[in-house]
Amino acid sequence: MRLSLTSLFMKSPFENLKKHADKVKECGHLFKEAARCHIRQEDEKFDTLTEDVARIESEADGIKRDIRTHLPRGIFMPVDKFQFFQYLREQDNVLDEMEEALFWLSFRPGGIPDDVADDFLHLVDSVIPTIEKLSKLVSLATDYFRSNDRRQRKKIISLIRDIHQEETEADFLERELKVKVFGTVENPLAVYHMIQLATIVGNIANHAENASDRMEAMIAR
């Protein structure tokens, strides 16, 4: 009986968790392009991309609700349910922060000062790899929980380390951007806007790292 329940689990929550991760990854590509459109003041394309992100975020929310409402209480799970839902929350937070960053960009059309525009794009570029790796992380974890193969576990740990390293690099670029903003931007409103924006973009990588930490807890022996 337990084996059949495990099989049911692997076809439902983890499958949907992967679908959710794929939505997050898809939004990452759109977010990166939208940031560039904003810098180039391609307002119509930026608005279209922002709407696309909002649509995909809504689809991801539907997947998240489906995971939460269709998980039978008595089901056998190879991981702690609390840790599973913590992972889902952090993965979802990645998407929320991308949407929030786009909102902040829209508040000041053409509002990225020229002196820090390239630095801002470098920060955006630095968080994208952490987003992209979440989908692979869920795939590896799904295979590991099915097979209990140590080689899969090693791949997961290696990927988690990569995410940590990329988050560290993004954190450095976030600090460097803030220093440059204070040193070069004179308009107080522009300073405030850029500092908030840099923090939000940095939070994308933070939540991706948090998600990887939750996955590490789930595979812990």
C-alpha atoms as a PDB file:
ATOM      1  CA  MET A   1       0.000   0.000   0.000  1.00  0.00           C
ATOM      2  CA  ARG A   2       2.800   2.372   0.900  1.00  0.00           C
ATOM      3  CA  LEU A   3       4.488   1.865  -2.460  1.00  0.00           C
ATOM      4  CA  SER A   4       1.345   2.844  -4.338  1.00  0.00           C
ATOM      5  CA  LEU A   5       0.997   5.962  -2.229  1.00  0.00           C
ATOM      6  CA  THR A   6       4.613   6.870  -2.903  1.00  0.00           C
ATOM      7  CA  SER A   7       4.007   6.430  -6.609  1.00  0.00           C
ATOM      8  CA  LEU A   8       0.968   8.688  -6.393  1.00  0.00           C
ATOM      9  CA  PHE A   9       3.042  11.314  -4.605  1.00  0.00           C
ATOM     10  CA  MET A  10       5.796  11.292  -7.164  1.00  0.00           C
ATOM     11  CA  LYS A  11       3.257  11.827  -9.951  1.00  0.00           C
ATOM     12  CA  SER A  12       1.541  14.713  -8.207  1.00  0.00           C
ATOM     13  CA  PRO A  13       3.297  17.162  -5.842  1.00  0.00           C
ATOM     14  CA  PHE A  14       6.802  16.861  -7.288  1.00  0.00           C
ATOM     15  CA  GLU A  15       5.476  16.899 -10.826  1.00  0.00           C
ATOM     16  CA  ASN A  16       3.588  20.097 -10.089  1.00  0.00           C
ATOM     17  CA  LEU A  17       6.580  21.497  -8.232  1.00  0.00           C
ATOM     18  CA  LYS A  18       8.569  21.052 -11.453  1.00  0.00           C
ATOM     19  CA  LYS A  19       5.827  22.782 -13.441  1.00  0.00           C
ATOM     20  CA  HIS A  20       5.969  25.664 -10.971  1.00  0.00           C
ATOM     21  CA  ALA A  21       9.766  25.833 -11.284  1.00  0.00           C
ATOM     22  CA  ASP A  22       9.434  25.929 -15.074  1.00  0.00           C
ATOM     23  CA  LYS A  23       7.089  28.914 -14.776  1.00  0.00           C
ATOM     24  CA  VAL A  24       9.637  30.670 -12.585  1.00  0.00           C
ATOM     25  CA  LYS A  25      12.365  29.953 -15.139  1.00  0.00           C
ATOM     26  CA  GLU A  26      10.186  31.247 -17.971  1.00  0.00           C
ATOM     27  CA  CYS A  27       9.592  34.476 -16.083  1.00  0.00           C
ATOM     28  CA  GLY A  28      13.324  34.828 -15.506  1.00  0.00           C
ATOM     29  CA  HIS A  29      13.947  35.087 -19.244  1.00  0.00           C
ATOM     30  CA  LEU A  30      11.131  37.615 -19.657  1.00  0.00           C
ATOM     31  CA  PHE A  31      12.344  39.640 -16.679  1.00  0.00           C
ATOM     32  CA  LYS A  32      15.842  39.891 -18.126  1.00  0.00           C
ATOM     33  CA  GLU A  33      14.509  41.100 -21.475  1.00  0.00           C
ATOM     34  CA  ALA A  34      12.078  43.519 -19.820  1.00  0.00           C
ATOM     35  CA  ALA A  35      14.918  45.146 -17.878  1.00  0.00           C
ATOM     36  CA  ARG A  36      16.776  45.771 -21.121  1.00  0.00           C
ATOM     37  CA  CYS A  37      13.671  47.172 -22.780  1.00  0.00           C
ATOM     38  CA  HIS A  38      13.256  49.588 -19.884  1.00  0.00           C
ATOM     39  CA  ILE A  39      16.846  50.794 -20.247  1.00  0.00           C
ATOM     40  CA  ARG A  40      16.321  51.272 -23.992  1.00  0.00           C
ATOM     41  CA  GLN A  41      13.004  53.027 -23.234  1.00  0.00           C
ATOM     42  CA  GLU A  42      11.074  50.559 -25.375  1.00  0.00           C
ATOM     43  CA  ASP A  43       7.962  51.213 -23.343  1.00  0.00           C
ATOM     44  CA  GLU A  44       5.429  49.188 -25.322  1.00  0.00           C
ATOM     45  CA  LYS A  45       7.591  46.080 -25.349  1.00  0.00           C
ATOM     46  CA  PHE A  46       8.358  46.542 -21.652  1.00  0.00           C
ATOM     47  CA  ASP A  47       4.641  46.743 -20.870  1.00  0.00           C
ATOM     48  CA  THR A  48       3.955  43.626 -22.934  1.00  0.00           C
ATOM     49  CA  LEU A  49       6.685  41.673 -21.161  1.00  0.00           C
ATOM     50  CA  THR A  50       5.431  42.875 -17.777  1.00  0.00           C
ATOM     51  CA  GLU A  51       1.947  41.647 -18.654  1.00  0.00           C
ATOM     52  CA  ASP A  52       3.410  38.309 -19.744  1.00  0.00           C
ATOM     53  CA  VAL A  53       5.180  37.945 -16.400  1.00  0.00           C
ATOM     54  CA  ALA A  54       1.951  38.772 -14.553  1.00  0.00           C
ATOM     55  CA  ARG A  55       0.078  36.160 -16.591  1.00  0.00           C
ATOM     56  CA  ILE A  56       2.661  33.456 -15.937  1.00  0.00           C
ATOM     57  CA  GLU A  57       2.783  34.406 -12.261  1.00  0.00           C
ATOM     58  CA  SER A  58      -0.970  33.863 -12.116  1.00  0.00           C
ATOM     59  CA  GLU A  59      -0.538  30.446 -13.753  1.00  0.00           C
ATOM     60  CA  ALA A  60       2.168  29.587 -11.225  1.00  0.00           C
ATOM     61  CA  ASP A  61      -0.159  30.608  -8.403  1.00  0.00           C
ATOM     62  CA  GLY A  62      -2.711  28.177  -9.793  1.00  0.00           C
ATOM     63  CA  ILE A  63      -0.139  25.387  -9.707  1.00  0.00           C
ATOM     64  CA  LYS A  64       0.810  26.355  -6.154  1.00  0.00           C
ATOM     65  CA  ARG A  65      -2.814  26.225  -5.037  1.00  0.00           C
ATOM     66  CA  ASP A  66      -3.238  22.881  -6.757  1.00  0.00           C
ATOM     67  CA  ILE A  67      -0.272  21.475  -4.843  1.00  0.00           C
ATOM     68  CA  ARG A  68      -1.616  22.732  -1.527  1.00  0.00           C
ATOM     69  CA  THR A  69      -5.227  21.664  -1.997  1.00  0.00           C
ATOM     70  CA  HIS A  70      -4.718  18.278  -3.659  1.00  0.00           C
ATOM     71  CA  LEU A  71      -2.145  16.782  -1.314  1.00  0.00           C
ATOM     72  CA  PRO A  72      -3.999  14.036   0.585  1.00  0.00           C
ATOM     73  CA  ARG A  73      -3.450  14.216   4.328  1.00  0.00           C
ATOM     74  CA  GLY A  74      -2.687  10.540   4.705  1.00  0.00           C
ATOM     75  CA  ILE A  75      -0.261  10.286   1.821  1.00  0.00           C
ATOM     76  CA  PHE A  76       3.201   8.852   2.420  1.00  0.00           C
ATOM     77  CA  MET A  77       5.911  11.336   1.472  1.00  0.00           C
ATOM     78  CA  PRO A  78       9.649  10.717   1.121  1.00  0.00           C
ATOM     79  CA  VAL A  79      10.254  14.186   2.585  1.00  0.00           C
ATOM     80  CA  ASP A  80       8.893  16.228   5.450  1.00  0.00           C
ATOM     81  CA  LYS A  81       5.742  18.056   4.330  1.00  0.00           C
ATOM     82  CA  PHE A  82       6.762  21.219   6.179  1.00  0.00           C
ATOM     83  CA  GLN A  83      10.102  21.321   4.341  1.00  0.00           C
ATOM     84  CA  PHE A  84       8.351  20.628   1.045  1.00  0.00           C
ATOM     85  CA  PHE A  85       6.012  23.581   1.486  1.00  0.00           C
ATOM     86  CA  GLN A  86       8.886  25.777   2.671  1.00  0.00           C
ATOM     87  CA  TYR A  87      10.657  25.008  -0.587  1.00  0.00           C
ATOM     88  CA  LEU A  88       7.535  25.846  -2.575  1.00  0.00           C
ATOM     89  CA  ARG A  89       7.180  29.143  -0.727  1.00  0.00           C
ATOM     90  CA  GLU A  90      10.768  30.201  -1.448  1.00  0.00           C
ATOM     91  CA  GLN A  91      10.511  29.187  -5.099  1.00  0.00           C
ATOM     92  CA  ASP A  92       7.304  31.201  -5.374  1.00  0.00           C
ATOM     93  CA  ASN A  93       8.990  34.170  -3.691  1.00  0.00           C
ATOM     94  CA  VAL A  94      11.524  34.234  -6.539  1.00  0.00           C
ATOM     95  CA  LEU A  95       8.694  34.869  -8.966  1.00  0.00           C
ATOM     96  CA  ASP A  96       7.057  37.453  -6.713  1.00  0.00           C
ATOM     97  CA  GLU A  97      10.299  39.437  -6.474  1.00  0.00           C
ATOM     98  CA  MET A  98      10.672  39.499 -10.255  1.00  0.00           C
ATOM     99  CA  GLU A  99       7.171  40.877 -10.604  1.00  0.00           C
ATOM    100  CA  GLU A 100       7.865  43.423  -7.863  1.00  0.00           C
ATOM    101  CA  ALA A 101      11.058  44.556  -9.620  1.00  0.00           C
ATOM    102  CA  LEU A 102       9.109  45.156 -12.828  1.00  0.00           C
ATOM    103  CA  PHE A 103       6.560  47.203 -10.909  1.00  0.00           C
ATOM    104  CA  TRP A 104       9.353  49.352  -9.500  1.00  0.00           C
ATOM    105  CA  LEU A 105      10.829  49.826 -12.952  1.00  0.00           C
ATOM    106  CA  SER A 106       7.439  50.966 -14.244  1.00  0.00           C
ATOM    107  CA  PHE A 107       7.135  53.590 -11.499  1.00  0.00           C
ATOM    108  CA  ARG A 108       9.840  55.710 -13.158  1.00  0.00           C
ATOM    109  CA  PRO A 109       9.747  55.363 -16.963  1.00  0.00           C
ATOM    110  CA  GLY A 110      13.276  55.894 -18.229  1.00  0.00           C
ATOM    111  CA  GLY A 111      14.257  56.215 -14.599  1.00  0.00           C
ATOM    112  CA  ILE A 112      17.554  54.321 -14.596  1.00  0.00           C
ATOM    113  CA  PRO A 113      20.333  56.927 -14.548  1.00  0.00           C
ATOM    114  CA  ASP A 114      22.843  56.447 -17.357  1.00  0.00           C
ATOM    115  CA  ASP A 115      25.777  56.236 -14.937  1.00  0.00           C
ATOM    116  CA  VAL A 116      24.411  53.076 -13.304  1.00  0.00           C
ATOM    117  CA  ALA A 117      22.385  51.488 -16.125  1.00  0.00           C
ATOM    118  CA  ASP A 118      25.063  48.959 -17.081  1.00  0.00           C
ATOM    119  CA  ASP A 119      25.665  48.079 -13.443  1.00  0.00           C
ATOM    120  CA  PHE A 120      21.954  47.460 -12.973  1.00  0.00           C
ATOM    121  CA  LEU A 121      21.856  45.134 -15.983  1.00  0.00           C
ATOM    122  CA  HIS A 122      24.881  43.258 -14.633  1.00  0.00           C
ATOM    123  CA  LEU A 123      22.972  42.716 -11.396  1.00  0.00           C
ATOM    124  CA  VAL A 124      19.937  41.469 -13.311  1.00  0.00           C
ATOM    125  CA  ASP A 125      22.133  39.113 -15.345  1.00  0.00           C
ATOM    126  CA  SER A 126      23.724  37.758 -12.168  1.00  0.00           C
ATOM    127  CA  VAL A 127      20.455  36.568 -10.626  1.00  0.00           C
ATOM    128  CA  ILE A 128      19.176  34.751 -13.728  1.00  0.00           C
ATOM    129  CA  PRO A 129      21.377  31.623 -13.308  1.00  0.00           C
ATOM    130  CA  THR A 130      20.011  31.069  -9.802  1.00  0.00           C
ATOM    131  CA  ILE A 131      16.486  31.146 -11.240  1.00  0.00           C
ATOM    132  CA  GLU A 132      17.296  28.766 -14.079  1.00  0.00           C
ATOM    133  CA  LYS A 133      18.842  26.167 -11.776  1.00  0.00           C
ATOM    134  CA  LEU A 134      15.701  25.691  -9.673  1.00  0.00           C
ATOM    135  CA  SER A 135      13.978  23.691 -12.395  1.00  0.00           C
ATOM    136  CA  LYS A 136      16.966  21.375 -12.701  1.00  0.00           C
ATOM    137  CA  LEU A 137      17.153  21.124  -8.917  1.00  0.00           C
ATOM    138  CA  VAL A 138      13.568  19.852  -8.709  1.00  0.00           C
ATOM    139  CA  SER A 139      14.192  17.367 -11.530  1.00  0.00           C
ATOM    140  CA  LEU A 140      17.275  15.963  -9.812  1.00  0.00           C
ATOM    141  CA  ALA A 141      15.448  15.757  -6.494  1.00  0.00           C
ATOM    142  CA  THR A 142      12.516  13.924  -8.072  1.00  0.00           C
ATOM    143  CA  ASP A 143      14.881  11.334  -9.544  1.00  0.00           C
ATOM    144  CA  TYR A 144      16.725  11.016  -6.251  1.00  0.00           C
ATOM    145  CA  PHE A 145      13.596  10.383  -4.196  1.00  0.00           C
ATOM    146  CA  ARG A 146      12.517   7.743  -6.696  1.00  0.00           C
ATOM    147  CA  SER A 147      15.844   5.927  -6.881  1.00  0.00           C
ATOM    148  CA  ASN A 148      17.712   6.874  -3.683  1.00  0.00           C
ATOM    149  CA  ASP A 149      20.790   6.955  -5.910  1.00  0.00           C
ATOM    150  CA  ARG A 150      23.774   8.537  -4.166  1.00  0.00           C
ATOM    151  CA  ARG A 151      25.050   9.862  -7.484  1.00  0.00           C
ATOM    152  CA  GLN A 152      21.883  11.907  -7.862  1.00  0.00           C
ATOM    153  CA  ARG A 153      22.331  13.254  -4.347  1.00  0.00           C
ATOM    154  CA  LYS A 154      25.869  14.380  -5.186  1.00  0.00           C
ATOM    155  CA  LYS A 155      24.552  16.194  -8.267  1.00  0.00           C
ATOM    156  CA  ILE A 156      21.978  17.982  -6.116  1.00  0.00           C
ATOM    157  CA  ILE A 157      24.594  19.055  -3.584  1.00  0.00           C
ATOM    158  CA  SER A 158      26.858  20.314  -6.382  1.00  0.00           C
ATOM    159  CA  LEU A 159      24.002  22.320  -7.894  1.00  0.00           C
ATOM    160  CA  ILE A 160      23.149  23.804  -4.507  1.00  0.00           C
ATOM    161  CA  ARG A 161      26.759  24.922  -4.115  1.00  0.00           C
ATOM    162  CA  ASP A 162      26.593  26.573  -7.536  1.00  0.00           C
ATOM    163  CA  ILE A 163      23.460  28.477  -6.514  1.00  0.00           C
ATOM    164  CA  HIS A 164      25.164  29.626  -3.319  1.00  0.00           C
ATOM    165  CA  GLN A 165      28.174  30.867  -5.287  1.00  0.00           C
ATOM    166  CA  GLU A 166      25.988  32.719  -7.774  1.00  0.00           C
ATOM    167  CA  GLU A 167      23.994  34.307  -4.946  1.00  0.00           C
ATOM    168  CA  THR A 168      27.256  35.513  -3.398  1.00  0.00           C
ATOM    169  CA  GLU A 169      28.254  37.100  -6.709  1.00  0.00           C
ATOM    170  CA  ALA A 170      24.839  38.747  -7.045  1.00  0.00           C
ATOM    171  CA  ASP A 171      25.098  40.038  -3.493  1.00  0.00           C
ATOM    172  CA  PHE A 172      28.461  41.619  -4.313  1.00  0.00           C
ATOM    173  CA  LEU A 173      27.068  43.300  -7.437  1.00  0.00           C
ATOM    174  CA  GLU A 174      24.079  44.567  -5.450  1.00  0.00           C
ATOM    175  CA  ARG A 175      26.384  46.233  -2.914  1.00  0.00           C
ATOM    176  CA  GLU A 176      28.594  47.665  -5.648  1.00  0.00           C
ATOM    177  CA  LEU A 177      25.572  49.115  -7.434  1.00  0.00           C
ATOM    178  CA  LYS A 178      24.332  50.772  -4.256  1.00  0.00           C
ATOM    179  CA  VAL A 179      27.740  52.299  -3.599  1.00  0.00           C
ATOM    180  CA  LYS A 180      27.859  53.676  -7.143  1.00  0.00           C
ATOM    181  CA  VAL A 181      24.309  55.045  -6.863  1.00  0.00           C
ATOM    182  CA  PHE A 182      25.187  57.011  -3.742  1.00  0.00           C
ATOM    183  CA  GLY A 183      28.381  58.252  -5.375  1.00  0.00           C
ATOM    184  CA  THR A 184      27.040  59.329  -8.766  1.00  0.00           C
ATOM    185  CA  VAL A 185      23.266  59.909  -8.661  1.00  0.00           C
ATOM    186  CA  GLU A 186      22.271  63.356  -7.405  1.00  0.00           C
ATOM    187  CA  ASN A 187      18.470  63.213  -7.533  1.00  0.00           C
ATOM    188  CA  PRO A 188      17.268  61.992  -4.089  1.00  0.00           C
ATOM    189  CA  LEU A 189      14.190  60.298  -5.550  1.00  0.00           C
ATOM    190  CA  ALA A 190      16.318  58.506  -8.124  1.00  0.00           C
ATOM    191  CA  VAL A 191      18.685  57.379  -5.362  1.00  0.00           C
ATOM    192  CA  TYR A 192      15.808  55.975  -3.310  1.00  0.00           C
ATOM    193  CA  HIS A 193      14.305  54.290  -6.357  1.00  0.00           C
ATOM    194  CA  MET A 194      17.573  52.637  -7.359  1.00  0.00           C
ATOM    195  CA  ILE A 195      18.405  51.458  -3.839  1.00  0.00           C
ATOM    196  CA  GLN A 196      14.981  49.846  -3.488  1.00  0.00           C
ATOM    197  CA  LEU A 197      15.224  48.343  -6.957  1.00  0.00           C
ATOM    198  CA  ALA A 198      18.682  46.904  -6.298  1.00  0.00           C
ATOM    199  CA  THR A 199      17.437  45.340  -3.064  1.00  0.00           C
ATOM    200  CA  ILE A 200      14.453  43.727  -4.776  1.00  0.00           C
ATOM    201  CA  VAL A 201      16.561  42.301  -7.606  1.00  0.00           C
ATOM    202  CA  GLY A 202      19.074  41.013  -5.069  1.00  0.00           C
ATOM    203  CA  ASN A 203      16.230  39.328  -3.197  1.00  0.00           C
ATOM    204  CA  ILE A 204      15.553  37.194  -6.264  1.00  0.00           C
ATOM    205  CA  ALA A 205      18.875  35.411  -5.784  1.00  0.00           C
ATOM    206  CA  ASN A 206      18.359  35.350  -2.010  1.00  0.00           C
ATOM    207  CA  HIS A 207      15.112  33.424  -2.347  1.00  0.00           C
ATOM    208  CA  ALA A 208      16.629  31.062  -4.916  1.00  0.00           C
ATOM    209  CA  GLU A 209      19.388  30.326  -2.420  1.00  0.00           C
ATOM    210  CA  ASN A 210      16.809  29.855   0.336  1.00  0.00           C
ATOM    211  CA  ALA A 211      14.965  27.381  -1.876  1.00  0.00           C
ATOM    212  CA  SER A 212      18.177  25.439  -2.452  1.00  0.00           C
ATOM    213  CA  ASP A 213      18.736  25.359   1.316  1.00  0.00           C
ATOM    214  CA  ARG A 214      15.266  23.857   1.790  1.00  0.00           C
ATOM    215  CA  MET A 215      16.093  21.240  -0.818  1.00  0.00           C
ATOM    216  CA  GLU A 216      19.327  20.452   0.993  1.00  0.00           C
ATOM    217  CA  ALA A 217      17.303  19.879   4.161  1.00  0.00           C
ATOM    218  CA  MET A 218      14.942  17.553   2.288  1.00  0.00           C
ATOM    219  CA  ILE A 219      17.757  15.334   1.009  1.00  0.00           C
ATOM    220  CA  ALA A 220      19.616  15.294   4.335  1.00  0.00           C
ATOM    221  CA  ARG A 221      20.164  11.787   5.658  1.00  0.00           C
END
